[in-house]
């Protein structure tokens, strides 16, 4: 549909009117500009960049008002101090991020995912910001270095599930993972999420459902196909 010339009234945080001759206490002249709903950039890797670039460039240049980070399971929380370099080297391999930049730019005044969200909120961002809790970081947090080696035990799965529910309740967008064969981490190994068995993935999806909100985002691969996801979604209701 083509655009129309009109005034847009905003009361509080909501659009309260669209028409002609509308007046307000504060008026912005948007003549010759396009007024439109903000775009949501649903697949980003701003997890670290948000700390040194609160404008979240270049997304902010394109009418984006909300970004979602943590995609493919590559969040930077939860992370224990001993795995900070592992997370950085993983991001270097899968997202071509510079390790020196990550080391200089991430404040690391957080370990859990709720603490990460608090750290971002404390510093602020120009755009609305949220992130998935990522499967790779989650496995490292719950399993240690074994996350890069094997399937999880029942106890480890229970621990990860509790962390996912906690994260989503604290404001995470949901849970993200990758089974994509192209996602190779440090030393040429598959990223930790690719070592997950189906029962682990199912449990973490159920943990999102237990939070009562949130999205499950998956980069499909050998362990989890797109048809599998069509079967899973009605079961978990997310």
C-alpha atoms as a PDB file:
ATOM      1  CA  UNK A   1       0.000   0.000   0.000  1.00  0.00           C
ATOM      2  CA  UNK A   2       1.190   3.507  -0.705  1.00  0.00           C
ATOM      3  CA  UNK A   3       1.801   5.936   2.138  1.00  0.00           C
ATOM      4  CA  UNK A   4      -0.570   8.675   3.196  1.00  0.00           C
ATOM      5  CA  UNK A   5       0.059  12.107   4.686  1.00  0.00           C
ATOM      6  CA  UNK A   6      -1.182  12.172   8.280  1.00  0.00           C
ATOM      7  CA  UNK A   7      -0.414  13.165  11.856  1.00  0.00           C
ATOM      8  CA  UNK A   8       0.367  10.471  14.407  1.00  0.00           C
ATOM      9  CA  UNK A   9      -0.528  11.127  18.051  1.00  0.00           C
ATOM     10  CA  UNK A  10       1.294   9.291  20.818  1.00  0.00           C
ATOM     11  CA  UNK A  11       0.006   9.187  24.382  1.00  0.00           C
ATOM     12  CA  UNK A  12       2.376   7.551  26.845  1.00  0.00           C
ATOM     13  CA  UNK A  13       3.864   4.568  25.032  1.00  0.00           C
ATOM     14  CA  UNK A  14       0.974   3.989  22.624  1.00  0.00           C
ATOM     15  CA  UNK A  15      -0.273   5.405  19.331  1.00  0.00           C
ATOM     16  CA  UNK A  16      -3.527   7.124  20.265  1.00  0.00           C
ATOM     17  CA  UNK A  17      -4.552   8.598  16.940  1.00  0.00           C
ATOM     18  CA  UNK A  18      -3.781   8.821  13.208  1.00  0.00           C
ATOM     19  CA  UNK A  19      -5.408  11.591  11.182  1.00  0.00           C
ATOM     20  CA  UNK A  20      -5.171  15.251  10.248  1.00  0.00           C
ATOM     21  CA  UNK A  21      -4.987  18.309  12.453  1.00  0.00           C
ATOM     22  CA  UNK A  22      -3.757  16.452  15.539  1.00  0.00           C
ATOM     23  CA  UNK A  23      -1.904  18.571  18.108  1.00  0.00           C
ATOM     24  CA  UNK A  24       0.305  17.706  21.062  1.00  0.00           C
ATOM     25  CA  UNK A  25       2.346  19.210  23.871  1.00  0.00           C
ATOM     26  CA  UNK A  26       5.485  18.194  21.959  1.00  0.00           C
ATOM     27  CA  UNK A  27       5.429  18.084  18.172  1.00  0.00           C
ATOM     28  CA  UNK A  28       8.014  16.629  15.774  1.00  0.00           C
ATOM     29  CA  UNK A  29       7.945  17.680  12.121  1.00  0.00           C
ATOM     30  CA  UNK A  30       8.390  14.487  10.082  1.00  0.00           C
ATOM     31  CA  UNK A  31       7.545  16.086   6.730  1.00  0.00           C
ATOM     32  CA  UNK A  32       9.243  14.285   3.779  1.00  0.00           C
ATOM     33  CA  UNK A  33      10.080  11.378   6.090  1.00  0.00           C
ATOM     34  CA  UNK A  34       8.404   7.983   6.374  1.00  0.00           C
ATOM     35  CA  UNK A  35       6.742   7.256   9.714  1.00  0.00           C
ATOM     36  CA  UNK A  36       6.421   3.499  10.193  1.00  0.00           C
ATOM     37  CA  UNK A  37       6.503   0.872  12.929  1.00  0.00           C
ATOM     38  CA  UNK A  38      10.046   0.030  13.985  1.00  0.00           C
ATOM     39  CA  UNK A  39      11.592  -3.050  12.438  1.00  0.00           C
ATOM     40  CA  UNK A  40      12.669  -5.941  14.684  1.00  0.00           C
ATOM     41  CA  UNK A  41      16.067  -7.396  13.749  1.00  0.00           C
ATOM     42  CA  UNK A  42      15.433 -10.962  14.901  1.00  0.00           C
ATOM     43  CA  UNK A  43      18.850 -12.471  14.117  1.00  0.00           C
ATOM     44  CA  UNK A  44      21.879 -10.590  15.430  1.00  0.00           C
ATOM     45  CA  UNK A  45      25.111 -11.233  17.297  1.00  0.00           C
ATOM     46  CA  UNK A  46      25.278  -7.968  19.246  1.00  0.00           C
ATOM     47  CA  UNK A  47      25.824  -9.852  22.534  1.00  0.00           C
ATOM     48  CA  UNK A  48      29.240  -8.296  23.128  1.00  0.00           C
ATOM     49  CA  UNK A  49      29.003  -5.219  20.880  1.00  0.00           C
ATOM     50  CA  UNK A  50      26.110  -3.824  22.943  1.00  0.00           C
ATOM     51  CA  UNK A  51      28.644  -2.915  25.647  1.00  0.00           C
ATOM     52  CA  UNK A  52      30.784  -0.613  23.468  1.00  0.00           C
ATOM     53  CA  UNK A  53      28.240   0.363  20.805  1.00  0.00           C
ATOM     54  CA  UNK A  54      24.901   1.030  22.534  1.00  0.00           C
ATOM     55  CA  UNK A  55      23.486   2.347  19.226  1.00  0.00           C
ATOM     56  CA  UNK A  56      23.886  -1.208  17.848  1.00  0.00           C
ATOM     57  CA  UNK A  57      25.188  -0.131  14.468  1.00  0.00           C
ATOM     58  CA  UNK A  58      24.434  -0.790  11.689  1.00  0.00           C
ATOM     59  CA  UNK A  59      20.954  -2.063  12.654  1.00  0.00           C
ATOM     60  CA  UNK A  60      19.954   1.390  13.913  1.00  0.00           C
ATOM     61  CA  UNK A  61      20.632   2.871  10.452  1.00  0.00           C
ATOM     62  CA  UNK A  62      17.793   0.884   8.869  1.00  0.00           C
ATOM     63  CA  UNK A  63      14.653   1.704  10.846  1.00  0.00           C
ATOM     64  CA  UNK A  64      15.313  -1.028  13.393  1.00  0.00           C
ATOM     65  CA  UNK A  65      14.068  -0.255  16.897  1.00  0.00           C
ATOM     66  CA  UNK A  66      14.456  -3.701  18.501  1.00  0.00           C
ATOM     67  CA  UNK A  67      17.251  -6.261  18.146  1.00  0.00           C
ATOM     68  CA  UNK A  68      17.440  -9.875  19.305  1.00  0.00           C
ATOM     69  CA  UNK A  69      20.914 -11.264  20.025  1.00  0.00           C
ATOM     70  CA  UNK A  70      22.180 -14.664  21.200  1.00  0.00           C
ATOM     71  CA  UNK A  71      21.249 -16.416  17.974  1.00  0.00           C
ATOM     72  CA  UNK A  72      22.555 -19.876  17.011  1.00  0.00           C
ATOM     73  CA  UNK A  73      23.277 -20.521  20.687  1.00  0.00           C
ATOM     74  CA  UNK A  74      26.204 -18.085  20.762  1.00  0.00           C
ATOM     75  CA  UNK A  75      25.351 -15.917  23.767  1.00  0.00           C
ATOM     76  CA  UNK A  76      28.126 -14.740  26.090  1.00  0.00           C
ATOM     77  CA  UNK A  77      26.206 -15.753  29.201  1.00  0.00           C
ATOM     78  CA  UNK A  78      26.048 -17.763  31.298  1.00  0.00           C
ATOM     79  CA  UNK A  79      29.840 -17.882  31.444  1.00  0.00           C
ATOM     80  CA  UNK A  80      32.212 -18.782  34.261  1.00  0.00           C
ATOM     81  CA  UNK A  81      35.522 -16.854  34.452  1.00  0.00           C
ATOM     82  CA  UNK A  82      37.516 -19.897  33.301  1.00  0.00           C
ATOM     83  CA  UNK A  83      35.548 -20.071  30.040  1.00  0.00           C
ATOM     84  CA  UNK A  84      35.711 -16.440  28.942  1.00  0.00           C
ATOM     85  CA  UNK A  85      38.541 -17.151  26.500  1.00  0.00           C
ATOM     86  CA  UNK A  86      36.708 -20.242  25.225  1.00  0.00           C
ATOM     87  CA  UNK A  87      33.619 -18.149  24.469  1.00  0.00           C
ATOM     88  CA  UNK A  88      35.781 -15.532  22.723  1.00  0.00           C
ATOM     89  CA  UNK A  89      37.576 -18.117  20.577  1.00  0.00           C
ATOM     90  CA  UNK A  90      34.269 -19.762  19.694  1.00  0.00           C
ATOM     91  CA  UNK A  91      32.876 -16.421  18.513  1.00  0.00           C
ATOM     92  CA  UNK A  92      36.085 -15.832  16.574  1.00  0.00           C
ATOM     93  CA  UNK A  93      35.552 -19.031  14.595  1.00  0.00           C
ATOM     94  CA  UNK A  94      31.804 -19.005  14.031  1.00  0.00           C
ATOM     95  CA  UNK A  95      31.158 -15.245  13.678  1.00  0.00           C
ATOM     96  CA  UNK A  96      34.574 -13.883  12.652  1.00  0.00           C
ATOM     97  CA  UNK A  97      34.773 -11.662  15.743  1.00  0.00           C
ATOM     98  CA  UNK A  98      38.127 -10.293  16.858  1.00  0.00           C
ATOM     99  CA  UNK A  99      39.302 -11.850  20.136  1.00  0.00           C
ATOM    100  CA  UNK A 100      41.244  -8.746  21.179  1.00  0.00           C
ATOM    101  CA  UNK A 101      38.144  -6.614  20.643  1.00  0.00           C
ATOM    102  CA  UNK A 102      36.022  -9.037  22.673  1.00  0.00           C
ATOM    103  CA  UNK A 103      38.564  -9.120  25.501  1.00  0.00           C
ATOM    104  CA  UNK A 104      38.751  -5.313  25.577  1.00  0.00           C
ATOM    105  CA  UNK A 105      35.043  -4.635  25.154  1.00  0.00           C
ATOM    106  CA  UNK A 106      33.225  -7.180  27.350  1.00  0.00           C
ATOM    107  CA  UNK A 107      33.189  -5.943  30.970  1.00  0.00           C
ATOM    108  CA  UNK A 108      32.695  -9.471  32.381  1.00  0.00           C
ATOM    109  CA  UNK A 109      30.947  -8.202  35.485  1.00  0.00           C
ATOM    110  CA  UNK A 110      28.426 -11.030  35.089  1.00  0.00           C
ATOM    111  CA  UNK A 111      28.299 -14.824  35.071  1.00  0.00           C
ATOM    112  CA  UNK A 112      24.626 -15.865  34.968  1.00  0.00           C
ATOM    113  CA  UNK A 113      22.205 -14.817  32.257  1.00  0.00           C
ATOM    114  CA  UNK A 114      20.102 -12.578  34.535  1.00  0.00           C
ATOM    115  CA  UNK A 115      23.353 -10.858  35.580  1.00  0.00           C
ATOM    116  CA  UNK A 116      24.187 -10.336  31.895  1.00  0.00           C
ATOM    117  CA  UNK A 117      20.828  -8.681  31.245  1.00  0.00           C
ATOM    118  CA  UNK A 118      21.384  -6.478  34.296  1.00  0.00           C
ATOM    119  CA  UNK A 119      24.856  -5.517  33.016  1.00  0.00           C
ATOM    120  CA  UNK A 120      23.387  -4.446  29.663  1.00  0.00           C
ATOM    121  CA  UNK A 121      20.507  -2.599  31.318  1.00  0.00           C
ATOM    122  CA  UNK A 122      22.862  -0.769  33.664  1.00  0.00           C
ATOM    123  CA  UNK A 123      24.812   0.643  30.716  1.00  0.00           C
ATOM    124  CA  UNK A 124      21.789   1.152  28.483  1.00  0.00           C
ATOM    125  CA  UNK A 125      21.180   0.806  24.746  1.00  0.00           C
ATOM    126  CA  UNK A 126      19.685   3.150  22.169  1.00  0.00           C
ATOM    127  CA  UNK A 127      17.469   0.417  20.718  1.00  0.00           C
ATOM    128  CA  UNK A 128      15.300  -2.087  22.543  1.00  0.00           C
ATOM    129  CA  UNK A 129      17.519  -5.086  23.262  1.00  0.00           C
ATOM    130  CA  UNK A 130      16.998  -8.689  24.213  1.00  0.00           C
ATOM    131  CA  UNK A 131      18.941 -11.923  23.738  1.00  0.00           C
ATOM    132  CA  UNK A 132      18.430 -15.656  23.736  1.00  0.00           C
ATOM    133  CA  UNK A 133      20.238 -17.781  26.296  1.00  0.00           C
ATOM    134  CA  UNK A 134      22.582 -19.735  24.046  1.00  0.00           C
ATOM    135  CA  UNK A 135      23.077 -23.495  24.080  1.00  0.00           C
ATOM    136  CA  UNK A 136      26.856 -23.329  23.600  1.00  0.00           C
ATOM    137  CA  UNK A 137      27.410 -21.013  26.562  1.00  0.00           C
ATOM    138  CA  UNK A 138      24.873 -22.958  28.611  1.00  0.00           C
ATOM    139  CA  UNK A 139      26.674 -26.269  28.042  1.00  0.00           C
ATOM    140  CA  UNK A 140      30.053 -24.784  28.994  1.00  0.00           C
ATOM    141  CA  UNK A 141      28.528 -23.340  32.160  1.00  0.00           C
ATOM    142  CA  UNK A 142      26.895 -26.625  33.203  1.00  0.00           C
ATOM    143  CA  UNK A 143      29.413 -29.165  31.894  1.00  0.00           C
ATOM    144  CA  UNK A 144      32.788 -27.429  31.823  1.00  0.00           C
ATOM    145  CA  UNK A 145      35.222 -28.407  29.084  1.00  0.00           C
ATOM    146  CA  UNK A 146      33.273 -31.633  28.508  1.00  0.00           C
ATOM    147  CA  UNK A 147      30.710 -29.484  26.664  1.00  0.00           C
ATOM    148  CA  UNK A 148      33.048 -29.643  23.661  1.00  0.00           C
ATOM    149  CA  UNK A 149      33.347 -33.439  23.926  1.00  0.00           C
ATOM    150  CA  UNK A 150      30.179 -35.394  24.761  1.00  0.00           C
ATOM    151  CA  UNK A 151      26.462 -35.704  25.420  1.00  0.00           C
ATOM    152  CA  UNK A 152      25.114 -34.385  28.725  1.00  0.00           C
ATOM    153  CA  UNK A 153      24.136 -36.551  31.704  1.00  0.00           C
ATOM    154  CA  UNK A 154      20.635 -36.413  33.182  1.00  0.00           C
ATOM    155  CA  UNK A 155      21.916 -34.256  36.060  1.00  0.00           C
ATOM    156  CA  UNK A 156      23.559 -31.825  33.627  1.00  0.00           C
ATOM    157  CA  UNK A 157      20.396 -31.635  31.548  1.00  0.00           C
ATOM    158  CA  UNK A 158      18.370 -30.835  34.671  1.00  0.00           C
ATOM    159  CA  UNK A 159      20.868 -28.111  35.602  1.00  0.00           C
ATOM    160  CA  UNK A 160      20.697 -26.569  32.130  1.00  0.00           C
ATOM    161  CA  UNK A 161      16.910 -26.735  32.081  1.00  0.00           C
ATOM    162  CA  UNK A 162      16.686 -24.802  35.349  1.00  0.00           C
ATOM    163  CA  UNK A 163      19.044 -22.148  33.952  1.00  0.00           C
ATOM    164  CA  UNK A 164      16.926 -21.770  30.796  1.00  0.00           C
ATOM    165  CA  UNK A 165      13.720 -21.269  32.774  1.00  0.00           C
ATOM    166  CA  UNK A 166      15.494 -18.783  35.063  1.00  0.00           C
ATOM    167  CA  UNK A 167      16.850 -16.833  32.075  1.00  0.00           C
ATOM    168  CA  UNK A 168      13.524 -16.577  30.262  1.00  0.00           C
ATOM    169  CA  UNK A 169      11.741 -15.474  33.421  1.00  0.00           C
ATOM    170  CA  UNK A 170      14.435 -12.795  33.835  1.00  0.00           C
ATOM    171  CA  UNK A 171      13.814 -11.428  30.333  1.00  0.00           C
ATOM    172  CA  UNK A 172      15.667 -13.618  27.828  1.00  0.00           C
ATOM    173  CA  UNK A 173      13.977 -13.834  24.425  1.00  0.00           C
ATOM    174  CA  UNK A 174      14.063 -17.609  24.787  1.00  0.00           C
ATOM    175  CA  UNK A 175      16.546 -20.384  24.029  1.00  0.00           C
ATOM    176  CA  UNK A 176      18.720 -20.632  20.898  1.00  0.00           C
ATOM    177  CA  UNK A 177      20.789 -23.497  19.579  1.00  0.00           C
ATOM    178  CA  UNK A 178      22.580 -24.777  16.485  1.00  0.00           C
ATOM    179  CA  UNK A 179      22.995 -28.217  14.962  1.00  0.00           C
ATOM    180  CA  UNK A 180      24.356 -26.761  11.720  1.00  0.00           C
ATOM    181  CA  UNK A 181      27.443 -28.594  10.375  1.00  0.00           C
ATOM    182  CA  UNK A 182      28.912 -25.240   9.317  1.00  0.00           C
ATOM    183  CA  UNK A 183      29.185 -24.122  12.949  1.00  0.00           C
ATOM    184  CA  UNK A 184      32.674 -25.152  13.998  1.00  0.00           C
ATOM    185  CA  UNK A 185      34.233 -23.722  17.139  1.00  0.00           C
ATOM    186  CA  UNK A 186      37.702 -23.603  18.636  1.00  0.00           C
ATOM    187  CA  UNK A 187      40.349 -26.073  17.441  1.00  0.00           C
ATOM    188  CA  UNK A 188      38.056 -27.079  14.588  1.00  0.00           C
ATOM    189  CA  UNK A 189      35.614 -28.934  16.848  1.00  0.00           C
ATOM    190  CA  UNK A 190      31.849 -28.777  16.394  1.00  0.00           C
ATOM    191  CA  UNK A 191      30.337 -26.107  18.652  1.00  0.00           C
ATOM    192  CA  UNK A 192      29.108 -27.593  21.967  1.00  0.00           C
ATOM    193  CA  UNK A 193      25.411 -27.508  21.035  1.00  0.00           C
ATOM    194  CA  UNK A 194      26.098 -30.002  18.236  1.00  0.00           C
ATOM    195  CA  UNK A 195      27.049 -32.621  20.840  1.00  0.00           C
ATOM    196  CA  UNK A 196      23.553 -32.511  22.351  1.00  0.00           C
ATOM    197  CA  UNK A 197      21.338 -35.558  22.052  1.00  0.00           C
ATOM    198  CA  UNK A 198      17.644 -35.254  21.288  1.00  0.00           C
ATOM    199  CA  UNK A 199      16.610 -35.720  24.935  1.00  0.00           C
ATOM    200  CA  UNK A 200      18.748 -32.739  25.934  1.00  0.00           C
ATOM    201  CA  UNK A 201      17.251 -30.507  23.265  1.00  0.00           C
ATOM    202  CA  UNK A 202      13.705 -31.604  24.138  1.00  0.00           C
ATOM    203  CA  UNK A 203      14.306 -30.868  27.817  1.00  0.00           C
ATOM    204  CA  UNK A 204      15.619 -27.377  27.096  1.00  0.00           C
ATOM    205  CA  UNK A 205      12.626 -26.624  24.887  1.00  0.00           C
ATOM    206  CA  UNK A 206      10.376 -27.827  27.705  1.00  0.00           C
ATOM    207  CA  UNK A 207      12.246 -25.448  30.033  1.00  0.00           C
ATOM    208  CA  UNK A 208      11.180 -22.529  27.825  1.00  0.00           C
ATOM    209  CA  UNK A 209       7.593 -23.782  27.985  1.00  0.00           C
ATOM    210  CA  UNK A 210       7.883 -23.993  31.777  1.00  0.00           C
ATOM    211  CA  UNK A 211       8.716 -20.282  31.868  1.00  0.00           C
ATOM    212  CA  UNK A 212       5.401 -19.565  30.163  1.00  0.00           C
ATOM    213  CA  UNK A 213       6.913 -17.327  27.494  1.00  0.00           C
ATOM    214  CA  UNK A 214       9.820 -17.141  25.074  1.00  0.00           C
ATOM    215  CA  UNK A 215      10.896 -18.471  21.697  1.00  0.00           C
ATOM    216  CA  UNK A 216      13.024 -21.447  20.678  1.00  0.00           C
ATOM    217  CA  UNK A 217      15.372 -20.531  17.813  1.00  0.00           C
ATOM    218  CA  UNK A 218      17.162 -23.332  15.974  1.00  0.00           C
ATOM    219  CA  UNK A 219      19.770 -23.522  13.240  1.00  0.00           C
ATOM    220  CA  UNK A 220      18.786 -26.977  11.940  1.00  0.00           C
ATOM    221  CA  UNK A 221      21.213 -29.772  11.158  1.00  0.00           C
ATOM    222  CA  UNK A 222      21.729 -33.524  11.457  1.00  0.00           C
ATOM    223  CA  UNK A 223      20.220 -33.864  14.954  1.00  0.00           C
ATOM    224  CA  UNK A 224      17.248 -31.580  14.345  1.00  0.00           C
ATOM    225  CA  UNK A 225      15.612 -31.032  10.964  1.00  0.00           C
ATOM    226  CA  UNK A 226      12.984 -28.501   9.948  1.00  0.00           C
ATOM    227  CA  UNK A 227      10.283 -31.251   9.781  1.00  0.00           C
ATOM    228  CA  UNK A 228      11.297 -32.227  13.352  1.00  0.00           C
ATOM    229  CA  UNK A 229      10.610 -28.662  14.465  1.00  0.00           C
ATOM    230  CA  UNK A 230       7.129 -28.717  12.945  1.00  0.00           C
ATOM    231  CA  UNK A 231       6.392 -31.789  15.077  1.00  0.00           C
ATOM    232  CA  UNK A 232       7.977 -30.324  18.215  1.00  0.00           C
ATOM    233  CA  UNK A 233       6.270 -26.918  18.271  1.00  0.00           C
ATOM    234  CA  UNK A 234       2.700 -28.099  19.068  1.00  0.00           C
ATOM    235  CA  UNK A 235       4.080 -30.335  21.846  1.00  0.00           C
ATOM    236  CA  UNK A 236       5.859 -27.551  23.712  1.00  0.00           C
ATOM    237  CA  UNK A 237       3.378 -24.802  22.849  1.00  0.00           C
ATOM    238  CA  UNK A 238       6.022 -22.173  22.208  1.00  0.00           C
END
